[in-house]
Amino acid sequence: MMIDSKTGERIVVLINDESGPYIRVSTWIDADELEDLLSGKYDVLYEMKTPEEFKADGGKEYYFGNAADPDKLQKILDDIHL
């Protein structure tokens, strides 16, 4: 399963009432590796944002849209070992 290298916690799919499922990663290292896997191996589309509290470490939020299945996204994340 994908673990956030800064917090040591499992990365889980969260739900935004307006934007649908999304995830948060705390560092640019995690973000960079995740982007490569989502775009390449898994062919998952996303919108990326950088929240103010993540700017120092290069963390990101990834939004997948209301049509995305949060359970399938979590299964993908649980298959990732960085």
Protein backbone atom coordinates (compact mmCIF):
# COMPACT_ATOMS: atom_id res chain seq x y z
CA MET A 1 0.00 0.00 0.00
CA MET A 2 1.16 3.54 -0.62
CA ILE A 3 2.56 5.21 2.49
CA ASP A 4 3.17 8.97 2.73
CA SER A 5 6.93 9.30 3.29
CA LYS A 6 6.54 12.37 5.52
CA THR A 7 3.64 11.31 7.74
CA GLY A 8 4.22 7.55 7.64
CA GLU A 9 0.48 7.07 7.12
CA ARG A 10 -1.39 5.12 4.45
CA ILE A 11 -2.62 7.31 1.60
CA VAL A 12 -6.39 7.00 1.45
CA VAL A 13 -9.00 8.30 -0.96
CA LEU A 14 -10.93 11.23 0.48
CA ILE A 15 -14.19 12.68 -0.85
CA ASN A 16 -14.76 16.35 -1.65
CA ASP A 17 -18.47 17.23 -1.93
CA GLU A 18 -17.89 19.31 -5.06
CA SER A 19 -14.92 17.61 -6.74
CA GLY A 20 -15.39 13.95 -5.83
CA PRO A 21 -12.57 11.59 -4.82
CA TYR A 22 -9.10 12.97 -4.16
CA ILE A 23 -5.87 12.10 -2.38
CA ARG A 24 -3.15 14.07 -0.62
CA VAL A 25 0.60 13.39 -0.65
CA SER A 26 2.97 15.45 1.50
CA THR A 27 6.23 15.56 -0.49
CA TRP A 28 7.43 16.13 -4.04
CA ILE A 29 9.17 12.74 -4.04
CA ASP A 30 5.89 10.91 -3.40
CA ALA A 31 4.06 13.21 -5.81
CA ASP A 32 6.55 12.67 -8.63
CA GLU A 33 6.51 8.87 -8.33
CA LEU A 34 2.72 8.79 -7.99
CA GLU A 35 2.24 10.94 -11.11
CA ASP A 36 4.43 8.58 -13.15
CA LEU A 37 2.38 5.57 -12.04
CA LEU A 38 -1.06 7.18 -12.39
CA SER A 39 -0.31 8.52 -15.87
CA GLY A 40 1.68 5.54 -17.11
CA LYS A 41 0.90 2.19 -15.56
CA TYR A 42 -2.69 2.91 -14.45
CA ASP A 43 -3.77 5.49 -17.09
CA VAL A 44 -5.74 7.50 -14.50
CA LEU A 45 -6.73 11.09 -15.27
CA TYR A 46 -6.47 13.68 -12.51
CA GLU A 47 -6.31 17.37 -11.74
CA MET A 48 -3.42 18.37 -9.52
CA LYS A 49 -3.43 21.18 -6.94
CA THR A 50 -0.85 22.41 -4.44
CA PRO A 51 -2.39 23.41 -1.12
CA GLU A 52 -0.60 26.15 0.81
CA GLU A 53 0.40 23.81 3.66
CA PHE A 54 2.19 21.49 1.19
CA LYS A 55 4.18 24.09 -0.77
CA ALA A 56 7.35 23.87 1.34
CA ASP A 57 7.74 20.11 0.78
CA GLY A 58 6.24 19.99 -2.72
CA GLY A 59 3.19 17.96 -1.73
CA LYS A 60 0.10 17.78 -3.93
CA GLU A 61 -3.58 16.96 -3.99
CA TYR A 62 -4.94 14.85 -6.86
CA TYR A 63 -8.59 15.22 -7.83
CA PHE A 64 -10.17 12.50 -9.97
CA GLY A 65 -13.64 13.92 -10.70
CA ASN A 66 -17.11 12.89 -9.59
CA ALA A 67 -17.29 10.01 -12.08
CA ALA A 68 -14.26 8.26 -10.54
CA ASP A 69 -14.84 5.19 -8.36
CA PRO A 70 -13.20 5.79 -4.95
CA ASP A 71 -13.00 2.04 -4.22
CA LYS A 72 -11.10 1.36 -7.46
CA LEU A 73 -8.80 4.30 -6.75
CA GLN A 74 -8.05 2.94 -3.28
CA LYS A 75 -7.26 -0.49 -4.74
CA ILE A 76 -4.76 1.17 -7.10
CA LEU A 77 -3.15 3.06 -4.21
CA ASP A 78 -2.98 -0.13 -2.16
CA ASP A 79 -1.10 -1.82 -5.02
CA ILE A 80 1.57 0.91 -5.06
CA HIS A 81 4.71 0.31 -3.00
CA LEU A 82 7.13 3.24 -3.06
